[in-house]
Amino acid sequence: MPPSHPDLVAHLTQVIGARLLDPLEILLDGDSAVATLRRRVERHAGELADRLIDGSRPQVVATAARLVAALYPGDQAFDPPPDWWRTPLGQVVAHRVGHPAAASVSYPVAGAMLGITRQGVHDLLNRGRLARHPDGGVATTSIRTRLQRRAAAERKTQHD
């Protein structure tokens, strides 16, 4: 299941603060403008979370891309470590978009995206519940499909 709205808002507020505002505050010697930006980020994090959780696919892709570009800049394609997929932002990206830059991922990354062990990934592959990618690893499309089916089943259980 994707993260709850409050969990995603809290995570976005924390990570934007840590990655963008804290360094700016250091550079500007604690300038009061940074406090204003923090308040603005706290308000805007809810809008970002709304788009990530409930937006159309194009909105989700655009919002996730903006966040990744701002929070994790680099010259290489975004290839987060397995732990990133366990964060609220990582979980909503996995559920709504899949891996933003890869057609396949390693078993440990697939496990992190699914919230299961590497052995669990092996079991799902052997039972045909996940697809192997022709170039190796696990097809990211099959991970996203599994996450969406699991979320739909959980929503159905909650409504019954």
N, C-alpha and C. Protein backbone atom coordinates (compact mmCIF):
# COMPACT_ATOMS: atom_id res chain seq x y z
N MET A 1 0.85 -1.18 0.00
CA MET A 1 0.00 0.00 0.00
C MET A 1 0.89 1.24 0.00
N PRO A 2 0.54 2.25 -0.80
CA PRO A 2 1.33 3.48 -0.79
C PRO A 2 1.25 4.12 0.59
N PRO A 3 2.16 5.03 0.88
CA PRO A 3 2.14 5.67 2.20
C PRO A 3 0.89 6.54 2.37
N SER A 4 0.57 6.82 3.62
CA SER A 4 -0.56 7.71 3.89
C SER A 4 -0.16 9.14 3.54
N HIS A 5 -1.15 9.96 3.32
CA HIS A 5 -0.91 11.37 2.99
C HIS A 5 -0.09 12.05 4.09
N PRO A 6 -0.47 11.92 5.38
CA PRO A 6 0.33 12.58 6.43
C PRO A 6 1.78 12.09 6.48
N ASP A 7 1.99 10.79 6.27
CA ASP A 7 3.36 10.27 6.27
C ASP A 7 4.18 10.85 5.12
N LEU A 8 3.56 10.95 3.94
CA LEU A 8 4.26 11.49 2.79
C LEU A 8 4.56 12.98 2.98
N VAL A 9 3.60 13.73 3.52
CA VAL A 9 3.82 15.16 3.77
C VAL A 9 4.98 15.34 4.75
N ALA A 10 4.98 14.59 5.84
CA ALA A 10 6.05 14.70 6.83
C ALA A 10 7.40 14.35 6.21
N HIS A 11 7.44 13.30 5.41
CA HIS A 11 8.69 12.90 4.76
C HIS A 11 9.18 13.96 3.79
N LEU A 12 8.28 14.47 2.95
CA LEU A 12 8.68 15.50 1.98
C LEU A 12 9.19 16.74 2.69
N THR A 13 8.51 17.16 3.73
CA THR A 13 8.95 18.32 4.50
C THR A 13 10.34 18.09 5.08
N GLN A 14 10.57 16.89 5.61
CA GLN A 14 11.87 16.58 6.22
C GLN A 14 12.98 16.52 5.17
N VAL A 15 12.75 15.83 4.07
CA VAL A 15 13.81 15.65 3.08
C VAL A 15 14.11 16.95 2.33
N ILE A 16 13.10 17.75 2.03
CA ILE A 16 13.33 19.05 1.39
C ILE A 16 14.12 19.94 2.35
N GLY A 17 13.75 19.90 3.61
CA GLY A 17 14.49 20.68 4.60
C GLY A 17 15.94 20.26 4.70
N ALA A 18 16.16 18.97 4.81
CA ALA A 18 17.52 18.45 4.98
C ALA A 18 18.39 18.65 3.74
N ARG A 19 17.83 18.42 2.57
CA ARG A 19 18.64 18.46 1.35
C ARG A 19 18.76 19.84 0.73
N LEU A 20 17.77 20.69 0.93
CA LEU A 20 17.79 22.00 0.28
C LEU A 20 17.90 23.17 1.26
N LEU A 21 17.07 23.18 2.29
CA LEU A 21 17.02 24.34 3.16
C LEU A 21 18.14 24.38 4.19
N ASP A 22 18.49 23.24 4.77
CA ASP A 22 19.58 23.23 5.75
C ASP A 22 20.89 23.76 5.15
N PRO A 23 21.30 23.27 3.96
CA PRO A 23 22.53 23.83 3.38
C PRO A 23 22.40 25.34 3.08
N LEU A 24 21.22 25.76 2.63
CA LEU A 24 21.01 27.17 2.34
C LEU A 24 21.12 28.00 3.63
N GLU A 25 20.58 27.48 4.71
CA GLU A 25 20.65 28.17 6.00
C GLU A 25 22.10 28.32 6.46
N ILE A 26 22.89 27.28 6.22
CA ILE A 26 24.32 27.35 6.57
C ILE A 26 25.02 28.42 5.73
N LEU A 27 24.75 28.40 4.43
CA LEU A 27 25.40 29.38 3.54
C LEU A 27 24.99 30.81 3.85
N LEU A 28 23.75 31.00 4.27
CA LEU A 28 23.24 32.35 4.52
C LEU A 28 23.32 32.74 5.99
N ASP A 29 24.06 31.99 6.78
CA ASP A 29 24.22 32.29 8.22
C ASP A 29 22.90 32.46 8.96
N GLY A 30 21.97 31.56 8.68
CA GLY A 30 20.70 31.57 9.41
C GLY A 30 19.77 32.69 9.04
N ASP A 31 19.89 33.23 7.85
CA ASP A 31 19.04 34.32 7.38
C ASP A 31 17.57 33.98 7.59
N SER A 32 16.77 34.97 7.98
CA SER A 32 15.35 34.74 8.26
C SER A 32 14.57 34.33 7.00
N ALA A 33 15.11 34.59 5.83
CA ALA A 33 14.44 34.18 4.60
C ALA A 33 14.29 32.68 4.54
N VAL A 34 15.22 31.94 5.15
CA VAL A 34 15.13 30.48 5.13
C VAL A 34 13.95 30.02 5.98
N ALA A 35 13.68 30.71 7.08
CA ALA A 35 12.52 30.36 7.91
C ALA A 35 11.22 30.55 7.11
N THR A 36 11.18 31.58 6.31
CA THR A 36 10.02 31.81 5.44
C THR A 36 9.88 30.67 4.43
N LEU A 37 11.00 30.27 3.86
CA LEU A 37 10.97 29.15 2.92
C LEU A 37 10.52 27.86 3.59
N ARG A 38 10.95 27.62 4.82
CA ARG A 38 10.52 26.41 5.54
C ARG A 38 9.00 26.39 5.71
N ARG A 39 8.43 27.51 6.07
CA ARG A 39 6.97 27.57 6.23
C ARG A 39 6.28 27.32 4.89
N ARG A 40 6.85 27.87 3.83
CA ARG A 40 6.27 27.65 2.50
C ARG A 40 6.36 26.18 2.09
N VAL A 41 7.50 25.54 2.37
CA VAL A 41 7.67 24.12 2.06
C VAL A 41 6.66 23.29 2.85
N GLU A 42 6.44 23.63 4.12
CA GLU A 42 5.46 22.89 4.94
C GLU A 42 4.07 22.96 4.32
N ARG A 43 3.71 24.12 3.79
CA ARG A 43 2.38 24.26 3.13
C ARG A 43 2.36 23.53 1.80
N HIS A 44 3.40 23.67 1.02
CA HIS A 44 3.45 23.10 -0.34
C HIS A 44 3.60 21.58 -0.33
N ALA A 45 4.17 21.01 0.73
CA ALA A 45 4.35 19.56 0.79
C ALA A 45 3.02 18.82 0.69
N GLY A 46 1.97 19.40 1.23
CA GLY A 46 0.65 18.78 1.12
C GLY A 46 0.16 18.73 -0.32
N GLU A 47 0.42 19.80 -1.07
CA GLU A 47 0.03 19.82 -2.48
C GLU A 47 0.84 18.80 -3.28
N LEU A 48 2.13 18.70 -2.99
CA LEU A 48 2.96 17.70 -3.67
C LEU A 48 2.46 16.30 -3.37
N ALA A 49 2.15 16.04 -2.10
CA ALA A 49 1.64 14.72 -1.70
C ALA A 49 0.31 14.42 -2.40
N ASP A 50 -0.57 15.42 -2.50
CA ASP A 50 -1.84 15.23 -3.21
C ASP A 50 -1.60 14.77 -4.64
N ARG A 51 -0.68 15.47 -5.33
CA ARG A 51 -0.40 15.12 -6.72
C ARG A 51 0.20 13.73 -6.84
N LEU A 52 1.10 13.38 -5.91
CA LEU A 52 1.75 12.07 -5.98
C LEU A 52 0.78 10.93 -5.68
N ILE A 53 -0.12 11.15 -4.76
CA ILE A 53 -1.04 10.08 -4.35
C ILE A 53 -2.28 10.00 -5.24
N ASP A 54 -2.87 11.16 -5.57
CA ASP A 54 -4.15 11.17 -6.26
C ASP A 54 -4.12 11.75 -7.67
N GLY A 55 -2.97 12.25 -8.11
CA GLY A 55 -2.90 12.88 -9.42
C GLY A 55 -2.99 11.89 -10.57
N SER A 56 -3.21 12.44 -11.75
CA SER A 56 -3.19 11.60 -12.95
C SER A 56 -1.76 11.11 -13.16
N ARG A 57 -1.61 10.09 -13.98
CA ARG A 57 -0.27 9.56 -14.23
C ARG A 57 0.69 10.66 -14.72
N PRO A 58 0.29 11.50 -15.69
CA PRO A 58 1.23 12.56 -16.10
C PRO A 58 1.59 13.52 -14.96
N GLN A 59 0.63 13.83 -14.08
CA GLN A 59 0.93 14.69 -12.93
C GLN A 59 1.91 14.01 -11.97
N VAL A 60 1.70 12.73 -11.73
CA VAL A 60 2.59 11.99 -10.83
C VAL A 60 4.00 11.94 -11.40
N VAL A 61 4.11 11.61 -12.68
CA VAL A 61 5.42 11.52 -13.32
C VAL A 61 6.13 12.86 -13.26
N ALA A 62 5.43 13.95 -13.58
CA ALA A 62 6.04 15.28 -13.57
C ALA A 62 6.46 15.69 -12.16
N THR A 63 5.60 15.43 -11.18
CA THR A 63 5.92 15.80 -9.80
C THR A 63 7.09 14.98 -9.28
N ALA A 64 7.08 13.69 -9.52
CA ALA A 64 8.18 12.83 -9.08
C ALA A 64 9.49 13.26 -9.74
N ALA A 65 9.42 13.57 -11.03
CA ALA A 65 10.64 13.99 -11.75
C ALA A 65 11.18 15.29 -11.18
N ARG A 66 10.31 16.24 -10.88
CA ARG A 66 10.76 17.51 -10.29
C ARG A 66 11.40 17.28 -8.93
N LEU A 67 10.78 16.45 -8.10
CA LEU A 67 11.34 16.18 -6.78
C LEU A 67 12.69 15.48 -6.87
N VAL A 68 12.77 14.47 -7.70
CA VAL A 68 14.02 13.73 -7.85
C VAL A 68 15.12 14.65 -8.37
N ALA A 69 14.81 15.47 -9.37
CA ALA A 69 15.82 16.38 -9.94
C ALA A 69 16.31 17.39 -8.90
N ALA A 70 15.40 17.90 -8.08
CA ALA A 70 15.79 18.89 -7.08
C ALA A 70 16.49 18.27 -5.88
N LEU A 71 16.01 17.12 -5.43
CA LEU A 71 16.53 16.52 -4.20
C LEU A 71 17.74 15.62 -4.41
N TYR A 72 17.87 15.05 -5.60
CA TYR A 72 18.96 14.11 -5.87
C TYR A 72 19.63 14.46 -7.19
N PRO A 73 20.20 15.67 -7.30
CA PRO A 73 20.80 16.08 -8.57
C PRO A 73 22.04 15.25 -8.90
N GLY A 74 22.32 15.13 -10.16
CA GLY A 74 23.51 14.41 -10.60
C GLY A 74 23.54 14.32 -12.11
N ASP A 75 24.69 13.91 -12.59
CA ASP A 75 24.88 13.77 -14.04
C ASP A 75 24.43 12.42 -14.56
N GLN A 76 24.23 11.47 -13.67
CA GLN A 76 23.81 10.12 -14.04
C GLN A 76 22.29 9.98 -13.89
N ALA A 77 21.73 8.97 -14.52
CA ALA A 77 20.31 8.67 -14.33
C ALA A 77 20.08 8.32 -12.86
N PHE A 78 18.93 8.67 -12.35
CA PHE A 78 18.61 8.43 -10.94
C PHE A 78 18.54 6.93 -10.68
N ASP A 79 19.37 6.46 -9.80
CA ASP A 79 19.43 5.04 -9.45
C ASP A 79 19.57 4.93 -7.94
N PRO A 80 18.44 5.09 -7.23
CA PRO A 80 18.51 5.15 -5.77
C PRO A 80 18.91 3.81 -5.15
N PRO A 81 19.50 3.88 -3.97
CA PRO A 81 19.83 2.65 -3.25
C PRO A 81 18.56 1.96 -2.76
N PRO A 82 18.65 0.68 -2.44
CA PRO A 82 17.44 -0.04 -1.98
C PRO A 82 16.71 0.65 -0.83
N ASP A 83 17.43 1.24 0.12
CA ASP A 83 16.76 1.88 1.26
C ASP A 83 15.85 3.03 0.85
N TRP A 84 16.18 3.70 -0.25
CA TRP A 84 15.34 4.82 -0.69
C TRP A 84 13.93 4.34 -1.00
N TRP A 85 13.80 3.14 -1.55
CA TRP A 85 12.49 2.62 -1.92
C TRP A 85 11.61 2.35 -0.71
N ARG A 86 12.19 2.31 0.49
CA ARG A 86 11.41 2.07 1.70
C ARG A 86 10.88 3.38 2.30
N THR A 87 11.33 4.52 1.77
CA THR A 87 10.85 5.81 2.26
C THR A 87 9.45 6.08 1.70
N PRO A 88 8.69 6.98 2.33
CA PRO A 88 7.37 7.30 1.76
C PRO A 88 7.45 7.80 0.32
N LEU A 89 8.44 8.62 -0.02
CA LEU A 89 8.57 9.08 -1.40
C LEU A 89 8.90 7.90 -2.31
N GLY A 90 9.81 7.05 -1.90
CA GLY A 90 10.17 5.88 -2.69
C GLY A 90 8.98 4.96 -2.91
N GLN A 91 8.18 4.77 -1.87
CA GLN A 91 7.01 3.89 -1.98
C GLN A 91 5.96 4.45 -2.93
N VAL A 92 5.69 5.75 -2.85
CA VAL A 92 4.68 6.31 -3.74
C VAL A 92 5.19 6.30 -5.18
N VAL A 93 6.48 6.53 -5.40
CA VAL A 93 7.03 6.45 -6.75
C VAL A 93 6.93 5.02 -7.27
N ALA A 94 7.26 4.04 -6.44
CA ALA A 94 7.17 2.64 -6.86
C ALA A 94 5.74 2.28 -7.24
N HIS A 95 4.78 2.70 -6.43
CA HIS A 95 3.38 2.36 -6.70
C HIS A 95 2.82 3.08 -7.91
N ARG A 96 3.13 4.35 -8.06
CA ARG A 96 2.49 5.15 -9.10
C ARG A 96 3.27 5.20 -10.41
N VAL A 97 4.61 5.12 -10.34
CA VAL A 97 5.44 5.29 -11.54
C VAL A 97 6.26 4.06 -11.86
N GLY A 98 6.72 3.37 -10.84
CA GLY A 98 7.71 2.32 -11.03
C GLY A 98 9.09 2.94 -10.94
N HIS A 99 10.08 2.24 -11.39
CA HIS A 99 11.43 2.83 -11.37
C HIS A 99 11.49 3.90 -12.44
N PRO A 100 11.95 5.11 -12.08
CA PRO A 100 11.91 6.20 -13.05
C PRO A 100 12.93 6.10 -14.18
N ALA A 101 13.95 5.23 -14.04
CA ALA A 101 15.01 5.23 -15.05
C ALA A 101 15.48 3.85 -15.47
N ALA A 102 14.79 2.79 -15.05
CA ALA A 102 15.29 1.45 -15.36
C ALA A 102 14.16 0.52 -15.76
N ALA A 103 14.44 -0.30 -16.77
CA ALA A 103 13.48 -1.32 -17.19
C ALA A 103 13.59 -2.56 -16.32
N SER A 104 14.75 -2.73 -15.66
CA SER A 104 14.93 -3.86 -14.75
C SER A 104 15.75 -3.41 -13.56
N VAL A 105 15.58 -4.13 -12.46
CA VAL A 105 16.34 -3.84 -11.24
C VAL A 105 16.85 -5.16 -10.66
N SER A 106 17.82 -5.03 -9.78
CA SER A 106 18.37 -6.20 -9.11
C SER A 106 17.34 -6.77 -8.13
N TYR A 107 17.58 -7.99 -7.69
CA TYR A 107 16.68 -8.61 -6.72
C TYR A 107 16.59 -7.80 -5.42
N PRO A 108 17.71 -7.30 -4.87
CA PRO A 108 17.58 -6.49 -3.64
C PRO A 108 16.74 -5.23 -3.85
N VAL A 109 16.90 -4.57 -4.99
CA VAL A 109 16.09 -3.37 -5.24
C VAL A 109 14.63 -3.76 -5.43
N ALA A 110 14.36 -4.83 -6.15
CA ALA A 110 12.98 -5.30 -6.31
C ALA A 110 12.37 -5.60 -4.95
N GLY A 111 13.13 -6.25 -4.08
CA GLY A 111 12.64 -6.54 -2.73
C GLY A 111 12.33 -5.28 -1.96
N ALA A 112 13.20 -4.28 -2.07
CA ALA A 112 12.97 -3.01 -1.37
C ALA A 112 11.72 -2.31 -1.92
N MET A 113 11.55 -2.33 -3.22
CA MET A 113 10.37 -1.70 -3.82
C MET A 113 9.09 -2.39 -3.36
N LEU A 114 9.15 -3.71 -3.21
CA LEU A 114 7.99 -4.49 -2.81
C LEU A 114 7.83 -4.63 -1.30
N GLY A 115 8.87 -4.26 -0.57
CA GLY A 115 8.82 -4.41 0.89
C GLY A 115 8.97 -5.85 1.34
N ILE A 116 9.72 -6.65 0.56
CA ILE A 116 9.93 -8.06 0.90
C ILE A 116 11.43 -8.37 0.82
N THR A 117 11.78 -9.58 1.18
CA THR A 117 13.18 -9.99 1.13
C THR A 117 13.58 -10.40 -0.28
N ARG A 118 14.88 -10.54 -0.46
CA ARG A 118 15.40 -11.02 -1.73
C ARG A 118 14.87 -12.43 -2.03
N GLN A 119 14.77 -13.25 -0.98
CA GLN A 119 14.22 -14.60 -1.14
C GLN A 119 12.76 -14.54 -1.59
N GLY A 120 12.02 -13.57 -1.06
CA GLY A 120 10.64 -13.39 -1.49
C GLY A 120 10.56 -13.05 -2.98
N VAL A 121 11.52 -12.25 -3.45
CA VAL A 121 11.57 -11.93 -4.89
C VAL A 121 11.82 -13.19 -5.69
N HIS A 122 12.78 -14.02 -5.24
CA HIS A 122 13.06 -15.30 -5.92
C HIS A 122 11.80 -16.14 -6.00
N ASP A 123 11.09 -16.24 -4.89
CA ASP A 123 9.88 -17.06 -4.85
C ASP A 123 8.83 -16.54 -5.84
N LEU A 124 8.63 -15.22 -5.87
CA LEU A 124 7.65 -14.65 -6.79
C LEU A 124 8.05 -14.86 -8.24
N LEU A 125 9.35 -14.76 -8.53
CA LEU A 125 9.82 -15.03 -9.89
C LEU A 125 9.58 -16.48 -10.27
N ASN A 126 9.90 -17.40 -9.37
CA ASN A 126 9.73 -18.83 -9.65
C ASN A 126 8.26 -19.22 -9.82
N ARG A 127 7.36 -18.51 -9.16
CA ARG A 127 5.93 -18.80 -9.27
C ARG A 127 5.27 -18.00 -10.40
N GLY A 128 6.06 -17.20 -11.12
CA GLY A 128 5.51 -16.43 -12.22
C GLY A 128 4.73 -15.20 -11.80
N ARG A 129 4.90 -14.76 -10.58
CA ARG A 129 4.19 -13.58 -10.07
C ARG A 129 4.93 -12.29 -10.38
N LEU A 130 6.22 -12.42 -10.69
CA LEU A 130 7.04 -11.31 -11.19
C LEU A 130 7.71 -11.80 -12.47
N ALA A 131 8.06 -10.85 -13.31
CA ALA A 131 8.70 -11.21 -14.59
C ALA A 131 10.19 -10.93 -14.55
N ARG A 132 10.96 -11.88 -15.06
CA ARG A 132 12.38 -11.65 -15.26
C ARG A 132 12.55 -10.76 -16.48
N HIS A 133 13.52 -9.88 -16.41
CA HIS A 133 13.82 -9.04 -17.57
C HIS A 133 14.77 -9.81 -18.47
N PRO A 134 14.63 -9.73 -19.79
CA PRO A 134 15.52 -10.47 -20.70
C PRO A 134 17.01 -10.15 -20.50
N ASP A 135 17.30 -8.94 -20.04
CA ASP A 135 18.70 -8.56 -19.81
C ASP A 135 19.17 -8.88 -18.41
N GLY A 136 18.32 -9.49 -17.60
CA GLY A 136 18.67 -9.84 -16.23
C GLY A 136 17.89 -9.01 -15.23
N GLY A 137 17.80 -9.50 -14.03
CA GLY A 137 17.07 -8.80 -12.99
C GLY A 137 15.57 -8.99 -13.11
N VAL A 138 14.84 -8.10 -12.47
CA VAL A 138 13.38 -8.17 -12.42
C VAL A 138 12.82 -7.01 -13.23
N ALA A 139 11.84 -7.29 -14.08
CA ALA A 139 11.20 -6.24 -14.89
C ALA A 139 10.45 -5.28 -13.97
N THR A 140 10.76 -4.00 -14.09
CA THR A 140 10.13 -3.02 -13.21
C THR A 140 8.63 -2.91 -13.46
N THR A 141 8.19 -3.18 -14.68
CA THR A 141 6.75 -3.13 -14.95
C THR A 141 6.01 -4.19 -14.14
N SER A 142 6.63 -5.35 -13.93
CA SER A 142 5.96 -6.39 -13.16
C SER A 142 5.92 -6.02 -11.67
N ILE A 143 6.90 -5.27 -11.20
CA ILE A 143 6.90 -4.82 -9.80
C ILE A 143 5.76 -3.83 -9.60
N ARG A 144 5.65 -2.88 -10.50
CA ARG A 144 4.59 -1.87 -10.39
C ARG A 144 3.21 -2.53 -10.47
N THR A 145 3.05 -3.47 -11.38
CA THR A 145 1.77 -4.18 -11.51
C THR A 145 1.44 -4.91 -10.21
N ARG A 146 2.41 -5.57 -9.62
CA ARG A 146 2.19 -6.29 -8.37
C ARG A 146 1.79 -5.33 -7.25
N LEU A 147 2.48 -4.19 -7.16
CA LEU A 147 2.16 -3.21 -6.13
C LEU A 147 0.73 -2.68 -6.32
N GLN A 148 0.35 -2.41 -7.54
CA GLN A 148 -0.99 -1.90 -7.80
C GLN A 148 -2.07 -2.93 -7.46
N ARG A 149 -1.80 -4.18 -7.81
CA ARG A 149 -2.77 -5.24 -7.48
C ARG A 149 -2.90 -5.42 -5.97
N ARG A 150 -1.76 -5.37 -5.28
CA ARG A 150 -1.78 -5.52 -3.82
C ARG A 150 -2.54 -4.36 -3.18
N ALA A 151 -2.32 -3.13 -3.65
CA ALA A 151 -3.03 -1.97 -3.11
C ALA A 151 -4.53 -2.08 -3.38
N ALA A 152 -4.91 -2.54 -4.57
CA ALA A 152 -6.33 -2.70 -4.90
C ALA A 152 -6.97 -3.75 -4.00
N ALA A 153 -6.26 -4.85 -3.75
CA ALA A 153 -6.79 -5.90 -2.87
C ALA A 153 -6.94 -5.39 -1.44
N GLU A 154 -5.98 -4.58 -0.99
CA GLU A 154 -6.08 -4.02 0.37
C GLU A 154 -7.24 -3.03 0.49
N ARG A 155 -7.44 -2.23 -0.56
CA ARG A 155 -8.58 -1.28 -0.55
C ARG A 155 -9.89 -2.06 -0.54
N LYS A 156 -9.96 -3.14 -1.31
CA LYS A 156 -11.19 -3.95 -1.35
C LYS A 156 -11.47 -4.56 0.01
N THR A 157 -10.44 -5.07 0.67
CA THR A 157 -10.59 -5.66 2.00
C THR A 157 -11.07 -4.61 3.00
N GLN A 158 -10.56 -3.39 2.91
CA GLN A 158 -10.97 -2.33 3.82
C GLN A 158 -12.43 -1.93 3.61
N HIS A 159 -12.92 -2.02 2.37
CA HIS A 159 -14.30 -1.65 2.08
C HIS A 159 -15.29 -2.75 2.40
N ASP A 160 -14.83 -3.98 2.51
CA ASP A 160 -15.74 -5.11 2.79
C ASP A 160 -16.07 -5.22 4.26
